[in-house]
Amino acid sequence: MTLELPWQQVCADRLQRSLDTGTLPHAILLTAVAGWGERALAAWLALRLLGEDVAKQPTELAHPDLRWIVADGAEIKVDVVRDLSAFAYATPMKGAAKVIVFEDAHRLNRAAANALQNTLEEPPAGTFVILASCFPGRLLATIRSRCQRFHVVPDAALARQWLSSRYADETLDERLFAHGGAPLAVAAELAAETPPLQALLD
């Protein structure tokens, strides 16, 4: 099992071992420094749980056992969380698991976070709730305490190697410095053909 983002391998291996031994918790908090891809790791884990090809994009799947939640504007609102209750307690339609992913989980407003607590505390059998966040400190402490955290540790050497294998750009180091070493921020900038920050300032 090799991930597209190699610096996530250590964290993914921990998750895979938990999957293999049947000890994966039902409430999972995936965290990373901004620009290191906690969303990508959440997508990988969701697809593993559903028995789908990890090369797919889960947000493009019409999968009956997956709910992928994103913010409506600046927040994830309480109505969205309340609507998940029936899904969480229903029987899986295709496999053995149902998966709920909260992208940018730190955007849960207080009412939504409070509504989520009961599901996190006593999740139904076969239902996995994955919260992905690059700002976990913004989550309620009661939410964090109900989840087992898996953190992506930055690896500057692997990030630089990954970028250089995809982009023949002499400004890689300059861009990495400007983005605090975050490889996905640099990749997005290069994909958009945006000049490096210093060139814009000049």
N, C-alpha and C. Protein backbone atom coordinates (compact mmCIF):
# COMPACT_ATOMS: atom_id res chain seq x y z
N MET A 1 0.83 -1.19 0.00
CA MET A 1 0.00 0.00 0.00
C MET A 1 0.87 1.25 0.00
N THR A 2 0.86 1.99 -1.09
CA THR A 2 1.66 3.22 -1.19
C THR A 2 0.73 4.38 -1.48
N LEU A 3 0.84 5.43 -0.69
CA LEU A 3 -0.02 6.59 -0.85
C LEU A 3 0.56 7.54 -1.89
N GLU A 4 -0.34 8.32 -2.50
CA GLU A 4 0.11 9.33 -3.46
C GLU A 4 0.94 10.39 -2.76
N LEU A 5 0.59 10.74 -1.53
CA LEU A 5 1.33 11.73 -0.75
C LEU A 5 2.21 10.98 0.24
N PRO A 6 3.49 10.80 -0.07
CA PRO A 6 4.33 9.85 0.68
C PRO A 6 4.53 10.20 2.14
N TRP A 7 4.45 11.48 2.50
CA TRP A 7 4.65 11.86 3.90
C TRP A 7 3.48 11.40 4.79
N GLN A 8 2.40 10.94 4.17
CA GLN A 8 1.28 10.43 4.95
C GLN A 8 1.39 8.94 5.24
N GLN A 9 2.42 8.30 4.73
CA GLN A 9 2.52 6.84 4.81
C GLN A 9 2.54 6.34 6.25
N VAL A 10 3.28 6.98 7.12
CA VAL A 10 3.39 6.52 8.51
C VAL A 10 2.02 6.54 9.18
N CYS A 11 1.29 7.63 8.99
CA CYS A 11 -0.04 7.74 9.57
C CYS A 11 -1.00 6.73 8.96
N ALA A 12 -0.92 6.56 7.64
CA ALA A 12 -1.79 5.60 6.96
C ALA A 12 -1.49 4.18 7.41
N ASP A 13 -0.23 3.87 7.67
CA ASP A 13 0.12 2.53 8.15
C ASP A 13 -0.51 2.27 9.51
N ARG A 14 -0.54 3.28 10.37
CA ARG A 14 -1.21 3.11 11.68
C ARG A 14 -2.69 2.82 11.49
N LEU A 15 -3.31 3.57 10.60
CA LEU A 15 -4.73 3.34 10.32
C LEU A 15 -4.97 1.96 9.74
N GLN A 16 -4.10 1.54 8.82
CA GLN A 16 -4.26 0.23 8.20
C GLN A 16 -4.10 -0.89 9.21
N ARG A 17 -3.15 -0.75 10.13
CA ARG A 17 -2.98 -1.78 11.17
C ARG A 17 -4.23 -1.88 12.03
N SER A 18 -4.83 -0.74 12.35
CA SER A 18 -6.07 -0.75 13.13
C SER A 18 -7.19 -1.42 12.34
N LEU A 19 -7.25 -1.14 11.03
CA LEU A 19 -8.24 -1.81 10.19
C LEU A 19 -8.02 -3.32 10.17
N ASP A 20 -6.79 -3.72 10.01
CA ASP A 20 -6.47 -5.13 9.89
C ASP A 20 -6.78 -5.91 11.17
N THR A 21 -6.62 -5.24 12.31
CA THR A 21 -6.85 -5.91 13.60
C THR A 21 -8.24 -5.68 14.15
N GLY A 22 -9.07 -4.93 13.40
CA GLY A 22 -10.42 -4.68 13.86
C GLY A 22 -10.50 -3.72 15.03
N THR A 23 -9.47 -2.90 15.22
CA THR A 23 -9.44 -1.99 16.36
C THR A 23 -9.59 -0.52 15.95
N LEU A 24 -9.93 -0.27 14.69
CA LEU A 24 -10.11 1.11 14.26
C LEU A 24 -11.29 1.72 15.01
N PRO A 25 -11.08 2.86 15.67
CA PRO A 25 -12.19 3.48 16.41
C PRO A 25 -13.26 3.99 15.45
N HIS A 26 -14.45 4.15 15.97
CA HIS A 26 -15.56 4.61 15.14
C HIS A 26 -15.61 6.13 15.02
N ALA A 27 -14.87 6.82 15.86
CA ALA A 27 -14.77 8.28 15.79
C ALA A 27 -13.31 8.64 15.64
N ILE A 28 -12.95 9.22 14.49
CA ILE A 28 -11.55 9.42 14.11
C ILE A 28 -11.32 10.88 13.76
N LEU A 29 -10.28 11.46 14.32
CA LEU A 29 -9.88 12.83 14.00
C LEU A 29 -8.55 12.78 13.25
N LEU A 30 -8.59 13.16 11.97
CA LEU A 30 -7.38 13.20 11.14
C LEU A 30 -6.91 14.64 11.04
N THR A 31 -5.68 14.88 11.45
CA THR A 31 -5.17 16.24 11.48
C THR A 31 -3.84 16.35 10.75
N ALA A 32 -3.57 17.56 10.29
CA ALA A 32 -2.30 17.87 9.64
C ALA A 32 -2.13 19.39 9.68
N VAL A 33 -0.91 19.83 9.57
CA VAL A 33 -0.67 21.25 9.35
C VAL A 33 -1.26 21.63 8.00
N ALA A 34 -1.80 22.84 7.89
CA ALA A 34 -2.42 23.27 6.64
C ALA A 34 -1.45 23.08 5.47
N GLY A 35 -1.97 22.47 4.39
CA GLY A 35 -1.17 22.24 3.21
C GLY A 35 -0.48 20.88 3.17
N TRP A 36 -0.79 20.02 4.17
CA TRP A 36 -0.17 18.69 4.20
C TRP A 36 -1.18 17.58 3.97
N GLY A 37 -2.45 17.90 3.70
CA GLY A 37 -3.35 16.94 3.09
C GLY A 37 -4.19 16.05 3.98
N GLU A 38 -4.72 16.61 5.08
CA GLU A 38 -5.59 15.77 5.90
C GLU A 38 -6.85 15.35 5.14
N ARG A 39 -7.29 16.17 4.19
CA ARG A 39 -8.46 15.79 3.39
C ARG A 39 -8.16 14.57 2.53
N ALA A 40 -6.98 14.53 1.93
CA ALA A 40 -6.60 13.38 1.10
C ALA A 40 -6.53 12.11 1.93
N LEU A 41 -6.05 12.21 3.16
CA LEU A 41 -5.98 11.04 4.02
C LEU A 41 -7.39 10.58 4.40
N ALA A 42 -8.28 11.52 4.65
CA ALA A 42 -9.67 11.17 4.95
C ALA A 42 -10.32 10.45 3.76
N ALA A 43 -10.02 10.92 2.56
CA ALA A 43 -10.56 10.28 1.36
C ALA A 43 -10.04 8.85 1.23
N TRP A 44 -8.76 8.66 1.46
CA TRP A 44 -8.16 7.33 1.39
C TRP A 44 -8.81 6.39 2.40
N LEU A 45 -8.97 6.86 3.64
CA LEU A 45 -9.54 6.02 4.69
C LEU A 45 -11.00 5.69 4.39
N ALA A 46 -11.75 6.67 3.94
CA ALA A 46 -13.16 6.43 3.62
C ALA A 46 -13.29 5.35 2.55
N LEU A 47 -12.46 5.43 1.52
CA LEU A 47 -12.52 4.44 0.44
C LEU A 47 -12.09 3.06 0.92
N ARG A 48 -11.10 3.01 1.80
CA ARG A 48 -10.67 1.73 2.37
C ARG A 48 -11.81 1.10 3.16
N LEU A 49 -12.50 1.89 3.96
CA LEU A 49 -13.60 1.37 4.77
C LEU A 49 -14.75 0.87 3.91
N LEU A 50 -14.96 1.53 2.78
CA LEU A 50 -16.06 1.16 1.90
C LEU A 50 -15.68 0.06 0.91
N GLY A 51 -14.40 -0.33 0.90
CA GLY A 51 -13.95 -1.35 -0.03
C GLY A 51 -13.87 -0.87 -1.46
N GLU A 52 -13.66 0.43 -1.63
CA GLU A 52 -13.57 1.02 -2.97
C GLU A 52 -12.11 1.25 -3.35
N ASP A 53 -11.88 1.45 -4.63
CA ASP A 53 -10.56 1.77 -5.15
C ASP A 53 -10.10 3.11 -4.58
N VAL A 54 -8.94 3.12 -3.93
CA VAL A 54 -8.47 4.35 -3.29
C VAL A 54 -8.02 5.40 -4.30
N ALA A 55 -7.94 5.04 -5.58
CA ALA A 55 -7.60 6.02 -6.61
C ALA A 55 -8.80 6.89 -6.99
N LYS A 56 -9.99 6.50 -6.54
CA LYS A 56 -11.19 7.27 -6.87
C LYS A 56 -11.28 8.53 -6.00
N GLN A 57 -12.15 9.43 -6.40
CA GLN A 57 -12.47 10.60 -5.60
C GLN A 57 -13.80 10.33 -4.88
N PRO A 58 -13.80 10.22 -3.57
CA PRO A 58 -15.04 9.86 -2.88
C PRO A 58 -16.16 10.87 -3.08
N THR A 59 -15.82 12.13 -3.29
CA THR A 59 -16.85 13.14 -3.49
C THR A 59 -17.54 13.00 -4.84
N GLU A 60 -16.95 12.20 -5.73
CA GLU A 60 -17.56 11.97 -7.04
C GLU A 60 -18.33 10.65 -7.10
N LEU A 61 -18.30 9.90 -5.99
CA LEU A 61 -19.01 8.63 -5.94
C LEU A 61 -20.46 8.85 -5.52
N ALA A 62 -21.36 8.15 -6.15
CA ALA A 62 -22.75 8.14 -5.68
C ALA A 62 -22.89 6.89 -4.81
N HIS A 63 -22.19 6.87 -3.68
CA HIS A 63 -22.14 5.68 -2.84
C HIS A 63 -23.19 5.79 -1.74
N PRO A 64 -24.05 4.80 -1.61
CA PRO A 64 -25.14 4.90 -0.63
C PRO A 64 -24.69 4.85 0.82
N ASP A 65 -23.45 4.41 1.06
CA ASP A 65 -22.96 4.28 2.43
C ASP A 65 -21.95 5.36 2.80
N LEU A 66 -21.92 6.43 2.02
CA LEU A 66 -20.98 7.52 2.28
C LEU A 66 -21.72 8.86 2.33
N ARG A 67 -21.39 9.64 3.34
CA ARG A 67 -21.81 11.04 3.39
C ARG A 67 -20.57 11.89 3.59
N TRP A 68 -20.33 12.81 2.64
CA TRP A 68 -19.16 13.69 2.71
C TRP A 68 -19.68 15.11 2.97
N ILE A 69 -19.35 15.64 4.13
CA ILE A 69 -19.93 16.91 4.58
C ILE A 69 -18.92 18.04 4.43
N VAL A 70 -19.33 19.11 3.79
CA VAL A 70 -18.51 20.32 3.66
C VAL A 70 -19.29 21.50 4.21
N ALA A 71 -18.57 22.57 4.45
CA ALA A 71 -19.21 23.76 5.01
C ALA A 71 -20.16 24.40 4.00
N ASP A 72 -21.23 24.95 4.52
CA ASP A 72 -22.14 25.77 3.74
C ASP A 72 -21.77 27.21 4.02
N GLY A 73 -20.98 27.81 3.12
CA GLY A 73 -20.41 29.11 3.42
C GLY A 73 -19.24 28.94 4.38
N ALA A 74 -19.31 29.60 5.51
CA ALA A 74 -18.21 29.55 6.48
C ALA A 74 -18.38 28.45 7.51
N GLU A 75 -19.57 27.82 7.57
CA GLU A 75 -19.87 26.91 8.67
C GLU A 75 -20.48 25.59 8.18
N ILE A 76 -20.30 24.58 9.02
CA ILE A 76 -21.11 23.37 8.92
C ILE A 76 -22.25 23.53 9.91
N LYS A 77 -23.46 23.48 9.43
CA LYS A 77 -24.60 23.89 10.25
C LYS A 77 -25.31 22.70 10.87
N VAL A 78 -26.10 23.00 11.89
CA VAL A 78 -26.70 21.96 12.72
C VAL A 78 -27.68 21.08 11.93
N ASP A 79 -28.40 21.64 10.98
CA ASP A 79 -29.38 20.85 10.23
C ASP A 79 -28.72 19.71 9.48
N VAL A 80 -27.50 19.95 8.98
CA VAL A 80 -26.77 18.91 8.26
C VAL A 80 -26.46 17.75 9.19
N VAL A 81 -26.03 18.07 10.40
CA VAL A 81 -25.68 17.03 11.38
C VAL A 81 -26.93 16.25 11.80
N ARG A 82 -28.00 16.95 12.05
CA ARG A 82 -29.24 16.28 12.45
C ARG A 82 -29.75 15.35 11.36
N ASP A 83 -29.56 15.75 10.12
CA ASP A 83 -30.03 14.92 9.00
C ASP A 83 -29.24 13.62 8.86
N LEU A 84 -28.08 13.56 9.51
CA LEU A 84 -27.24 12.36 9.41
C LEU A 84 -27.70 11.24 10.33
N SER A 85 -28.57 11.54 11.26
CA SER A 85 -28.95 10.56 12.27
C SER A 85 -29.54 9.30 11.64
N ALA A 86 -30.49 9.46 10.73
CA ALA A 86 -31.11 8.30 10.10
C ALA A 86 -30.09 7.49 9.31
N PHE A 87 -29.19 8.18 8.62
CA PHE A 87 -28.15 7.49 7.85
C PHE A 87 -27.25 6.69 8.78
N ALA A 88 -26.82 7.30 9.88
CA ALA A 88 -25.88 6.66 10.79
C ALA A 88 -26.42 5.36 11.36
N TYR A 89 -27.73 5.31 11.62
CA TYR A 89 -28.32 4.14 12.27
C TYR A 89 -28.91 3.14 11.28
N ALA A 90 -28.86 3.45 10.00
CA ALA A 90 -29.39 2.52 9.00
C ALA A 90 -28.40 1.40 8.72
N THR A 91 -28.87 0.33 8.14
CA THR A 91 -28.01 -0.79 7.75
C THR A 91 -27.25 -0.43 6.48
N PRO A 92 -25.95 -0.75 6.42
CA PRO A 92 -25.20 -0.48 5.18
C PRO A 92 -25.85 -1.17 3.98
N MET A 93 -25.83 -0.51 2.84
CA MET A 93 -26.50 -1.02 1.66
C MET A 93 -25.59 -1.85 0.75
N LYS A 94 -24.27 -1.57 0.79
CA LYS A 94 -23.36 -2.28 -0.12
C LYS A 94 -22.35 -3.17 0.59
N GLY A 95 -21.86 -2.73 1.71
CA GLY A 95 -20.82 -3.48 2.40
C GLY A 95 -21.10 -3.61 3.88
N ALA A 96 -20.01 -3.58 4.66
CA ALA A 96 -20.14 -3.77 6.10
C ALA A 96 -20.05 -2.45 6.86
N ALA A 97 -19.79 -1.34 6.16
CA ALA A 97 -19.55 -0.08 6.87
C ALA A 97 -20.29 1.08 6.21
N LYS A 98 -20.59 2.06 7.04
CA LYS A 98 -21.06 3.36 6.58
C LYS A 98 -20.05 4.40 7.07
N VAL A 99 -19.83 5.41 6.25
CA VAL A 99 -18.80 6.40 6.56
C VAL A 99 -19.36 7.80 6.43
N ILE A 100 -19.09 8.61 7.44
CA ILE A 100 -19.42 10.04 7.42
C ILE A 100 -18.11 10.81 7.55
N VAL A 101 -17.83 11.66 6.60
CA VAL A 101 -16.61 12.47 6.63
C VAL A 101 -16.98 13.94 6.74
N PHE A 102 -16.37 14.61 7.71
CA PHE A 102 -16.50 16.05 7.85
C PHE A 102 -15.21 16.69 7.36
N GLU A 103 -15.24 17.26 6.16
CA GLU A 103 -14.10 18.01 5.65
C GLU A 103 -14.05 19.36 6.36
N ASP A 104 -12.85 19.79 6.75
CA ASP A 104 -12.71 21.04 7.52
C ASP A 104 -13.65 21.02 8.72
N ALA A 105 -13.49 19.99 9.55
CA ALA A 105 -14.39 19.79 10.67
C ALA A 105 -14.39 20.96 11.66
N HIS A 106 -13.31 21.74 11.67
CA HIS A 106 -13.26 22.91 12.56
C HIS A 106 -14.31 23.95 12.18
N ARG A 107 -14.99 23.77 11.04
CA ARG A 107 -16.04 24.70 10.65
C ARG A 107 -17.41 24.34 11.23
N LEU A 108 -17.48 23.25 11.99
CA LEU A 108 -18.71 22.95 12.70
C LEU A 108 -19.06 24.11 13.62
N ASN A 109 -20.27 24.68 13.48
CA ASN A 109 -20.64 25.70 14.44
C ASN A 109 -21.01 25.02 15.76
N ARG A 110 -21.23 25.81 16.80
CA ARG A 110 -21.41 25.22 18.13
C ARG A 110 -22.63 24.30 18.18
N ALA A 111 -23.71 24.72 17.56
CA ALA A 111 -24.92 23.90 17.58
C ALA A 111 -24.68 22.58 16.86
N ALA A 112 -23.98 22.63 15.72
CA ALA A 112 -23.68 21.41 14.97
C ALA A 112 -22.75 20.50 15.76
N ALA A 113 -21.75 21.07 16.41
CA ALA A 113 -20.82 20.28 17.21
C ALA A 113 -21.55 19.61 18.37
N ASN A 114 -22.44 20.34 19.01
CA ASN A 114 -23.20 19.76 20.12
C ASN A 114 -24.08 18.62 19.62
N ALA A 115 -24.67 18.79 18.45
CA ALA A 115 -25.54 17.74 17.90
C ALA A 115 -24.74 16.50 17.52
N LEU A 116 -23.48 16.68 17.18
CA LEU A 116 -22.64 15.56 16.76
C LEU A 116 -22.13 14.73 17.93
N GLN A 117 -22.11 15.30 19.12
CA GLN A 117 -21.46 14.64 20.25
C GLN A 117 -22.06 13.28 20.58
N ASN A 118 -23.37 13.16 20.53
CA ASN A 118 -24.00 11.88 20.89
C ASN A 118 -23.60 10.77 19.92
N THR A 119 -23.56 11.11 18.63
CA THR A 119 -23.15 10.11 17.64
C THR A 119 -21.71 9.70 17.85
N LEU A 120 -20.84 10.65 18.21
CA LEU A 120 -19.44 10.33 18.45
C LEU A 120 -19.27 9.49 19.71
N GLU A 121 -20.10 9.76 20.71
CA GLU A 121 -19.96 9.05 21.98
C GLU A 121 -20.43 7.60 21.86
N GLU A 122 -21.52 7.37 21.16
CA GLU A 122 -22.06 6.02 21.00
C GLU A 122 -22.40 5.78 19.52
N PRO A 123 -21.38 5.69 18.68
CA PRO A 123 -21.66 5.51 17.25
C PRO A 123 -22.30 4.15 16.99
N PRO A 124 -23.23 4.08 16.07
CA PRO A 124 -23.86 2.81 15.73
C PRO A 124 -22.82 1.83 15.18
N ALA A 125 -23.07 0.55 15.37
CA ALA A 125 -22.15 -0.47 14.85
C ALA A 125 -22.02 -0.33 13.34
N GLY A 126 -20.79 -0.36 12.86
CA GLY A 126 -20.55 -0.29 11.42
C GLY A 126 -20.49 1.11 10.85
N THR A 127 -20.71 2.12 11.69
CA THR A 127 -20.65 3.51 11.23
C THR A 127 -19.37 4.16 11.72
N PHE A 128 -18.63 4.75 10.78
CA PHE A 128 -17.38 5.44 11.12
C PHE A 128 -17.54 6.92 10.81
N VAL A 129 -17.18 7.75 11.78
CA VAL A 129 -17.23 9.20 11.61
C VAL A 129 -15.80 9.71 11.56
N ILE A 130 -15.44 10.34 10.46
CA ILE A 130 -14.09 10.86 10.25
C ILE A 130 -14.14 12.38 10.21
N LEU A 131 -13.42 13.01 11.11
CA LEU A 131 -13.31 14.46 11.11
C LEU A 131 -11.91 14.82 10.63
N ALA A 132 -11.83 15.60 9.57
CA ALA A 132 -10.54 16.02 9.02
C ALA A 132 -10.36 17.52 9.27
N SER A 133 -9.22 17.89 9.82
CA SER A 133 -9.03 19.31 10.15
C SER A 133 -7.56 19.67 10.21
N CYS A 134 -7.24 20.84 9.68
CA CYS A 134 -5.90 21.40 9.86
C CYS A 134 -5.87 22.41 11.01
N PHE A 135 -7.03 22.62 11.66
CA PHE A 135 -7.11 23.51 12.83
C PHE A 135 -7.90 22.81 13.94
N PRO A 136 -7.41 21.68 14.45
CA PRO A 136 -8.19 20.93 15.43
C PRO A 136 -8.44 21.68 16.72
N GLY A 137 -7.60 22.66 17.03
CA GLY A 137 -7.81 23.45 18.24
C GLY A 137 -9.09 24.25 18.22
N ARG A 138 -9.67 24.43 17.04
CA ARG A 138 -10.94 25.16 16.94
C ARG A 138 -12.15 24.27 17.23
N LEU A 139 -11.92 22.97 17.29
CA LEU A 139 -13.01 22.06 17.63
C LEU A 139 -13.29 22.12 19.12
N LEU A 140 -14.53 21.87 19.50
CA LEU A 140 -14.85 21.79 20.91
C LEU A 140 -14.02 20.69 21.57
N ALA A 141 -13.58 20.94 22.79
CA ALA A 141 -12.80 19.93 23.51
C ALA A 141 -13.59 18.64 23.66
N THR A 142 -14.90 18.75 23.81
CA THR A 142 -15.73 17.55 23.96
C THR A 142 -15.80 16.75 22.67
N ILE A 143 -15.62 17.39 21.53
CA ILE A 143 -15.54 16.67 20.26
C ILE A 143 -14.20 15.95 20.16
N ARG A 144 -13.13 16.67 20.46
CA ARG A 144 -11.79 16.06 20.38
C ARG A 144 -11.65 14.87 21.31
N SER A 145 -12.24 14.98 22.49
CA SER A 145 -12.09 13.90 23.47
C SER A 145 -12.82 12.63 23.07
N ARG A 146 -13.79 12.75 22.18
CA ARG A 146 -14.56 11.58 21.74
C ARG A 146 -13.94 10.89 20.52
N CYS A 147 -12.87 11.46 20.00
CA CYS A 147 -12.23 10.91 18.80
C CYS A 147 -10.82 10.42 19.12
N GLN A 148 -10.37 9.44 18.38
CA GLN A 148 -8.96 9.08 18.42
C GLN A 148 -8.26 9.84 17.30
N ARG A 149 -7.18 10.50 17.67
CA ARG A 149 -6.51 11.38 16.71
C ARG A 149 -5.37 10.67 16.01
N PHE A 150 -5.30 10.89 14.72
CA PHE A 150 -4.18 10.42 13.88
C PHE A 150 -3.63 11.66 13.18
N HIS A 151 -2.36 11.96 13.41
CA HIS A 151 -1.77 13.20 12.91
C HIS A 151 -0.71 12.93 11.84
N VAL A 152 -0.80 13.67 10.75
CA VAL A 152 0.20 13.60 9.69
C VAL A 152 1.40 14.47 10.08
N VAL A 153 2.54 13.85 10.24
CA VAL A 153 3.75 14.58 10.61
C VAL A 153 4.44 15.09 9.35
N PRO A 154 4.70 16.40 9.24
CA PRO A 154 5.36 16.92 8.05
C PRO A 154 6.75 16.29 7.85
N ASP A 155 7.10 16.06 6.61
CA ASP A 155 8.42 15.55 6.25
C ASP A 155 8.91 16.37 5.07
N ALA A 156 9.77 17.33 5.35
CA ALA A 156 10.20 18.29 4.33
C ALA A 156 10.92 17.60 3.16
N ALA A 157 11.73 16.59 3.47
CA ALA A 157 12.49 15.92 2.40
C ALA A 157 11.56 15.18 1.45
N LEU A 158 10.58 14.46 2.00
CA LEU A 158 9.64 13.74 1.15
C LEU A 158 8.78 14.71 0.35
N ALA A 159 8.40 15.82 0.97
CA ALA A 159 7.59 16.81 0.27
C ALA A 159 8.35 17.41 -0.91
N ARG A 160 9.60 17.74 -0.69
CA ARG A 160 10.43 18.32 -1.75
C ARG A 160 10.63 17.31 -2.88
N GLN A 161 10.86 16.06 -2.51
CA GLN A 161 11.04 15.00 -3.52
C GLN A 161 9.77 14.80 -4.34
N TRP A 162 8.62 14.80 -3.66
CA TRP A 162 7.33 14.63 -4.34
C TRP A 162 7.07 15.76 -5.32
N LEU A 163 7.34 16.97 -4.91
CA LEU A 163 7.14 18.13 -5.79
C LEU A 163 8.08 18.08 -6.99
N SER A 164 9.34 17.78 -6.75
CA SER A 164 10.31 17.80 -7.84
C SER A 164 10.04 16.69 -8.85
N SER A 165 9.38 15.61 -8.42
CA SER A 165 9.06 14.53 -9.36
C SER A 165 7.89 14.92 -10.26
N ARG A 166 7.18 15.97 -9.91
CA ARG A 166 6.01 16.38 -10.68
C ARG A 166 6.19 17.71 -11.40
N TYR A 167 7.05 18.54 -10.87
CA TYR A 167 7.21 19.89 -11.43
C TYR A 167 8.68 20.21 -11.62
N ALA A 168 9.06 20.43 -12.85
CA ALA A 168 10.42 20.86 -13.14
C ALA A 168 10.46 22.37 -13.05
N ASP A 169 10.54 22.86 -11.85
CA ASP A 169 10.45 24.31 -11.61
C ASP A 169 11.59 24.74 -10.70
N GLU A 170 12.36 25.70 -11.15
CA GLU A 170 13.53 26.13 -10.39
C GLU A 170 13.16 26.96 -9.17
N THR A 171 11.89 27.29 -9.03
CA THR A 171 11.47 28.11 -7.88
C THR A 171 10.86 27.28 -6.75
N LEU A 172 11.02 25.97 -6.79
CA LEU A 172 10.39 25.12 -5.77
C LEU A 172 10.79 25.52 -4.36
N ASP A 173 12.07 25.69 -4.13
CA ASP A 173 12.53 26.02 -2.77
C ASP A 173 12.01 27.38 -2.33
N GLU A 174 12.00 28.31 -3.26
CA GLU A 174 11.47 29.64 -2.96
C GLU A 174 9.99 29.56 -2.59
N ARG A 175 9.26 28.79 -3.36
CA ARG A 175 7.82 28.64 -3.10
C ARG A 175 7.56 27.91 -1.77
N LEU A 176 8.34 26.87 -1.50
CA LEU A 176 8.18 26.15 -0.24
C LEU A 176 8.44 27.07 0.95
N PHE A 177 9.45 27.89 0.84
CA PHE A 177 9.75 28.84 1.92
C PHE A 177 8.58 29.80 2.12
N ALA A 178 8.03 30.30 1.02
CA ALA A 178 6.94 31.26 1.11
C ALA A 178 5.68 30.66 1.72
N HIS A 179 5.50 29.34 1.54
CA HIS A 179 4.31 28.66 2.05
C HIS A 179 4.59 27.85 3.31
N GLY A 180 5.68 28.17 3.99
CA GLY A 180 5.97 27.49 5.24
C GLY A 180 6.23 26.01 5.07
N GLY A 181 6.67 25.61 3.88
CA GLY A 181 6.99 24.21 3.62
C GLY A 181 5.82 23.35 3.20
N ALA A 182 4.63 23.94 3.05
CA ALA A 182 3.43 23.15 2.74
C ALA A 182 3.41 22.73 1.27
N PRO A 183 3.58 21.46 0.98
CA PRO A 183 3.73 21.01 -0.41
C PRO A 183 2.46 21.17 -1.23
N LEU A 184 1.29 20.95 -0.64
CA LEU A 184 0.07 21.05 -1.43
C LEU A 184 -0.26 22.49 -1.80
N ALA A 185 0.14 23.43 -0.96
CA ALA A 185 -0.03 24.83 -1.31
C ALA A 185 0.85 25.19 -2.50
N VAL A 186 2.07 24.66 -2.51
CA VAL A 186 2.98 24.90 -3.63
C VAL A 186 2.45 24.23 -4.89
N ALA A 187 1.96 23.01 -4.76
CA ALA A 187 1.43 22.28 -5.92
C ALA A 187 0.25 23.03 -6.54
N ALA A 188 -0.63 23.57 -5.69
CA ALA A 188 -1.78 24.31 -6.20
C ALA A 188 -1.34 25.58 -6.92
N GLU A 189 -0.32 26.22 -6.39
CA GLU A 189 0.21 27.43 -7.02
C GLU A 189 0.82 27.11 -8.37
N LEU A 190 1.57 26.03 -8.45
CA LEU A 190 2.19 25.64 -9.71
C LEU A 190 1.15 25.20 -10.73
N ALA A 191 0.14 24.48 -10.29
CA ALA A 191 -0.91 24.03 -11.20
C ALA A 191 -1.66 25.21 -11.79
N ALA A 192 -1.80 26.27 -11.00
CA ALA A 192 -2.48 27.47 -11.48
C ALA A 192 -1.55 28.40 -12.24
N GLU A 193 -0.27 28.00 -12.34
CA GLU A 193 0.75 28.80 -13.04
C GLU A 193 0.86 30.19 -12.44
N THR A 194 0.76 30.25 -11.11
CA THR A 194 0.90 31.52 -10.40
C THR A 194 2.38 31.81 -10.17
N PRO A 195 2.83 33.03 -10.42
CA PRO A 195 4.23 33.35 -10.13
C PRO A 195 4.50 33.22 -8.65
N PRO A 196 5.76 32.95 -8.27
CA PRO A 196 6.09 32.88 -6.84
C PRO A 196 5.82 34.21 -6.16
N LEU A 197 5.61 34.14 -4.85
CA LEU A 197 5.23 35.33 -4.09
C LEU A 197 6.24 36.46 -4.24
N GLN A 198 7.53 36.13 -4.21
CA GLN A 198 8.53 37.20 -4.31
C GLN A 198 8.43 37.93 -5.63
N ALA A 199 8.14 37.20 -6.71
CA ALA A 199 8.01 37.85 -8.00
C ALA A 199 6.81 38.81 -8.02
N LEU A 200 5.74 38.41 -7.36
CA LEU A 200 4.58 39.29 -7.27
C LEU A 200 4.90 40.54 -6.46
N LEU A 201 5.65 40.35 -5.37
CA LEU A 201 6.01 41.50 -4.52
C LEU A 201 6.93 42.45 -5.28
N ASP A 202 7.84 41.86 -6.06
CA ASP A 202 8.77 42.70 -6.82
C ASP A 202 8.02 43.51 -7.87
